[in-house]
N, C-alpha and C. Protein backbone atom coordinates (compact mmCIF):
# COMPACT_ATOMS: atom_id res chain seq x y z
N MET A 1 8.87 134.58 144.79
CA MET A 1 9.15 134.18 143.43
C MET A 1 8.79 135.34 142.50
N LEU A 2 9.69 135.66 141.62
CA LEU A 2 9.43 136.66 140.60
C LEU A 2 8.72 135.98 139.44
N VAL A 3 7.61 136.52 138.99
CA VAL A 3 6.86 135.95 137.87
C VAL A 3 6.90 136.95 136.73
N LEU A 4 7.36 136.51 135.57
CA LEU A 4 7.48 137.37 134.40
C LEU A 4 6.65 136.82 133.25
N SER A 5 6.12 137.68 132.43
CA SER A 5 5.43 137.27 131.21
C SER A 5 6.37 137.48 130.04
N ARG A 6 6.46 136.51 129.17
CA ARG A 6 7.29 136.60 127.97
C ARG A 6 6.55 135.98 126.81
N LYS A 7 6.82 136.44 125.62
CA LYS A 7 6.28 135.87 124.40
C LYS A 7 7.38 135.08 123.70
N LYS A 8 6.99 134.35 122.67
CA LYS A 8 7.96 133.58 121.90
C LYS A 8 9.09 134.50 121.44
N ASP A 9 10.31 133.98 121.54
CA ASP A 9 11.55 134.67 121.16
C ASP A 9 11.94 135.80 122.12
N GLU A 10 11.20 136.00 123.20
CA GLU A 10 11.61 136.96 124.21
C GLU A 10 12.43 136.23 125.27
N SER A 11 13.20 136.98 126.03
CA SER A 11 14.11 136.34 126.99
C SER A 11 14.17 137.11 128.30
N ILE A 12 14.82 136.48 129.26
CA ILE A 12 15.17 137.14 130.51
C ILE A 12 16.64 136.85 130.76
N VAL A 13 17.28 137.72 131.49
CA VAL A 13 18.69 137.57 131.81
C VAL A 13 18.83 137.48 133.32
N ILE A 14 19.63 136.52 133.77
CA ILE A 14 19.88 136.32 135.20
C ILE A 14 21.36 136.52 135.46
N ASN A 15 21.68 137.41 136.36
CA ASN A 15 23.06 137.62 136.81
C ASN A 15 24.03 137.92 135.67
N ASN A 16 23.60 138.59 134.65
CA ASN A 16 24.43 139.02 133.52
C ASN A 16 25.02 137.90 132.66
N ASP A 17 24.89 136.63 133.08
CA ASP A 17 25.54 135.58 132.30
C ASP A 17 24.65 134.37 132.01
N ILE A 18 23.38 134.44 132.40
CA ILE A 18 22.44 133.35 132.10
C ILE A 18 21.26 133.97 131.37
N THR A 19 20.93 133.41 130.22
CA THR A 19 19.80 133.91 129.44
C THR A 19 18.81 132.77 129.24
N ILE A 20 17.55 133.04 129.50
CA ILE A 20 16.46 132.09 129.28
C ILE A 20 15.61 132.67 128.16
N VAL A 21 15.40 131.88 127.09
CA VAL A 21 14.65 132.34 125.93
C VAL A 21 13.43 131.45 125.74
N VAL A 22 12.28 132.05 125.47
CA VAL A 22 11.08 131.28 125.12
C VAL A 22 11.25 130.89 123.66
N VAL A 23 11.49 129.60 123.43
CA VAL A 23 11.76 129.11 122.08
C VAL A 23 10.47 128.78 121.34
N GLU A 24 9.52 128.17 122.06
CA GLU A 24 8.29 127.73 121.41
C GLU A 24 7.18 127.63 122.45
N ILE A 25 5.97 127.95 122.03
CA ILE A 25 4.78 127.77 122.86
C ILE A 25 3.82 126.93 122.05
N ARG A 26 3.49 125.75 122.58
CA ARG A 26 2.58 124.86 121.87
C ARG A 26 1.58 124.30 122.87
N GLY A 27 0.36 124.80 122.80
CA GLY A 27 -0.67 124.36 123.75
C GLY A 27 -0.26 124.75 125.16
N ASP A 28 -0.21 123.74 126.06
CA ASP A 28 0.15 124.03 127.45
C ASP A 28 1.63 123.79 127.71
N LYS A 29 2.43 123.61 126.66
CA LYS A 29 3.87 123.40 126.83
C LYS A 29 4.65 124.60 126.32
N VAL A 30 5.68 124.95 127.07
CA VAL A 30 6.57 126.03 126.69
C VAL A 30 7.97 125.45 126.60
N ARG A 31 8.65 125.65 125.48
CA ARG A 31 10.05 125.21 125.34
C ARG A 31 10.93 126.40 125.62
N LEU A 32 11.89 126.18 126.53
CA LEU A 32 12.82 127.24 126.92
C LEU A 32 14.23 126.89 126.48
N GLY A 33 14.96 127.87 126.05
CA GLY A 33 16.38 127.71 125.78
C GLY A 33 17.15 128.39 126.90
N VAL A 34 18.23 127.74 127.34
CA VAL A 34 19.04 128.28 128.42
C VAL A 34 20.47 128.43 127.93
N GLU A 35 20.99 129.64 128.03
CA GLU A 35 22.40 129.90 127.74
C GLU A 35 23.06 130.23 129.06
N ALA A 36 24.07 129.43 129.44
CA ALA A 36 24.74 129.64 130.72
C ALA A 36 26.20 129.24 130.59
N PRO A 37 27.05 129.80 131.43
CA PRO A 37 28.45 129.39 131.41
C PRO A 37 28.57 127.90 131.71
N LYS A 38 29.60 127.29 131.18
CA LYS A 38 29.80 125.85 131.33
C LYS A 38 29.87 125.43 132.79
N GLU A 39 30.38 126.29 133.66
CA GLU A 39 30.53 125.91 135.07
C GLU A 39 29.22 126.00 135.86
N VAL A 40 28.14 126.48 135.24
CA VAL A 40 26.85 126.59 135.92
C VAL A 40 26.01 125.36 135.59
N PRO A 41 25.70 124.53 136.60
CA PRO A 41 24.88 123.35 136.31
C PRO A 41 23.44 123.77 135.99
N VAL A 42 22.90 123.20 134.93
CA VAL A 42 21.52 123.48 134.53
C VAL A 42 20.85 122.14 134.28
N HIS A 43 19.80 121.83 135.04
CA HIS A 43 19.06 120.58 134.90
C HIS A 43 17.58 120.87 135.05
N ARG A 44 16.75 120.00 134.47
CA ARG A 44 15.33 120.03 134.80
C ARG A 44 15.21 119.68 136.28
N ARG A 45 14.19 120.18 136.95
CA ARG A 45 14.06 119.98 138.40
C ARG A 45 14.09 118.50 138.78
N GLU A 46 13.37 117.65 138.05
CA GLU A 46 13.32 116.24 138.43
C GLU A 46 14.69 115.57 138.32
N VAL A 47 15.50 115.97 137.37
CA VAL A 47 16.86 115.44 137.24
C VAL A 47 17.73 115.98 138.38
N PHE A 48 17.62 117.27 138.67
CA PHE A 48 18.37 117.88 139.76
C PHE A 48 18.07 117.18 141.08
N GLU A 49 16.78 116.94 141.36
CA GLU A 49 16.40 116.30 142.61
C GLU A 49 16.90 114.86 142.69
N ALA A 50 16.86 114.14 141.57
CA ALA A 50 17.37 112.76 141.57
C ALA A 50 18.87 112.75 141.85
N ILE A 51 19.61 113.68 141.25
CA ILE A 51 21.06 113.77 141.49
C ILE A 51 21.31 114.13 142.95
N ALA A 52 20.53 115.07 143.49
CA ALA A 52 20.70 115.49 144.88
C ALA A 52 20.44 114.34 145.85
N ARG A 53 19.51 113.44 145.47
CA ARG A 53 19.22 112.27 146.32
C ARG A 53 20.24 111.16 146.13
N GLY A 54 21.17 111.35 145.20
CA GLY A 54 22.20 110.34 144.95
C GLY A 54 21.74 109.22 144.06
N GLU A 55 20.60 109.39 143.40
CA GLU A 55 20.09 108.35 142.51
C GLU A 55 20.84 108.39 141.18
N PRO A 56 21.03 107.21 140.57
CA PRO A 56 21.66 107.21 139.24
C PRO A 56 20.73 107.91 138.24
N VAL A 57 21.32 108.67 137.35
CA VAL A 57 20.54 109.41 136.36
C VAL A 57 20.89 108.86 134.99
N ASP A 58 19.86 108.44 134.27
CA ASP A 58 20.02 107.93 132.91
C ASP A 58 20.52 109.08 132.02
N GLN A 59 21.56 108.85 131.26
CA GLN A 59 22.11 109.90 130.40
C GLN A 59 21.07 110.45 129.44
N ALA A 60 20.11 109.61 129.03
CA ALA A 60 19.07 110.08 128.11
C ALA A 60 18.19 111.13 128.78
N SER A 61 18.04 111.05 130.11
CA SER A 61 17.18 112.00 130.80
C SER A 61 17.83 113.37 130.95
N VAL A 62 19.13 113.46 130.75
CA VAL A 62 19.80 114.76 130.81
C VAL A 62 20.14 115.25 129.42
N GLY A 63 19.59 114.61 128.41
CA GLY A 63 19.87 114.99 127.03
C GLY A 63 19.50 116.42 126.72
N GLY A 64 18.60 117.01 127.52
CA GLY A 64 18.21 118.39 127.30
C GLY A 64 19.13 119.37 128.02
N SER A 65 20.31 118.90 128.40
CA SER A 65 21.25 119.75 129.12
C SER A 65 21.65 120.95 128.28
N VAL A 66 21.96 122.03 128.95
CA VAL A 66 22.38 123.25 128.27
C VAL A 66 23.69 123.05 127.53
N HIS A 67 24.50 122.14 128.04
CA HIS A 67 25.78 121.84 127.43
C HIS A 67 25.70 120.44 126.85
N GLU A 68 26.77 119.97 126.26
CA GLU A 68 26.73 118.64 125.67
C GLU A 68 26.19 117.63 126.66
N SER A 69 25.34 116.69 126.17
CA SER A 69 24.74 115.73 127.08
C SER A 69 25.76 114.91 127.83
N SER A 70 26.94 114.71 127.29
CA SER A 70 27.95 113.93 128.00
C SER A 70 28.56 114.73 129.14
N ASP A 71 28.27 116.02 129.19
CA ASP A 71 28.83 116.89 130.23
C ASP A 71 27.80 117.08 131.34
N VAL A 72 27.61 116.05 132.15
CA VAL A 72 26.65 116.13 133.24
C VAL A 72 27.37 116.67 134.46
N ARG A 73 26.96 117.85 134.89
CA ARG A 73 27.57 118.46 136.06
C ARG A 73 26.70 118.22 137.26
N GLN A 74 27.30 118.05 138.40
CA GLN A 74 26.58 117.72 139.61
C GLN A 74 26.13 118.98 140.35
N PRO A 75 24.91 118.94 140.93
CA PRO A 75 24.48 120.05 141.77
C PRO A 75 25.20 119.99 143.11
N PRO A 76 25.01 120.98 143.96
CA PRO A 76 25.65 120.95 145.27
C PRO A 76 25.22 119.71 146.06
N GLU A 77 26.06 119.31 147.00
CA GLU A 77 25.73 118.17 147.85
C GLU A 77 24.43 118.46 148.58
N PRO A 78 23.61 117.40 148.85
CA PRO A 78 22.31 117.62 149.50
C PRO A 78 22.39 118.41 150.79
N GLU A 79 23.44 118.22 151.59
CA GLU A 79 23.53 118.98 152.84
C GLU A 79 23.70 120.47 152.57
N ALA A 80 24.26 120.80 151.39
CA ALA A 80 24.41 122.21 151.03
C ALA A 80 23.07 122.82 150.65
N LEU A 81 22.08 121.98 150.33
CA LEU A 81 20.77 122.46 149.95
C LEU A 81 19.87 122.70 151.15
N ALA A 82 20.19 122.08 152.27
CA ALA A 82 19.35 122.20 153.47
C ALA A 82 19.47 123.59 154.06
N PRO A 83 18.37 124.13 154.61
CA PRO A 83 18.45 125.44 155.24
C PRO A 83 19.34 125.39 156.47
N ASP A 84 19.98 126.50 156.76
CA ASP A 84 20.86 126.56 157.94
C ASP A 84 20.04 126.36 159.19
N ALA A 85 20.61 125.58 160.10
CA ALA A 85 19.91 125.31 161.36
C ALA A 85 20.33 126.28 162.43
């Protein structure tokens, strides 16, 4: 895992088309902004894992989506997440 230090309003770039910005730091919470192409699914880990398990996801829980909340994109199928045997 690559670990980077950033201050408020600083960012990192992933693969030339995804930008993560530190929007706010308040106590032990950090708010991040994510700019990514529409075809790239971006979810909080707990939402991603629920979708991967096939569980229904409340639209309110994906409200922090990088794109419009009504645009919920699916992660890869769970078998695609498993390591190759």
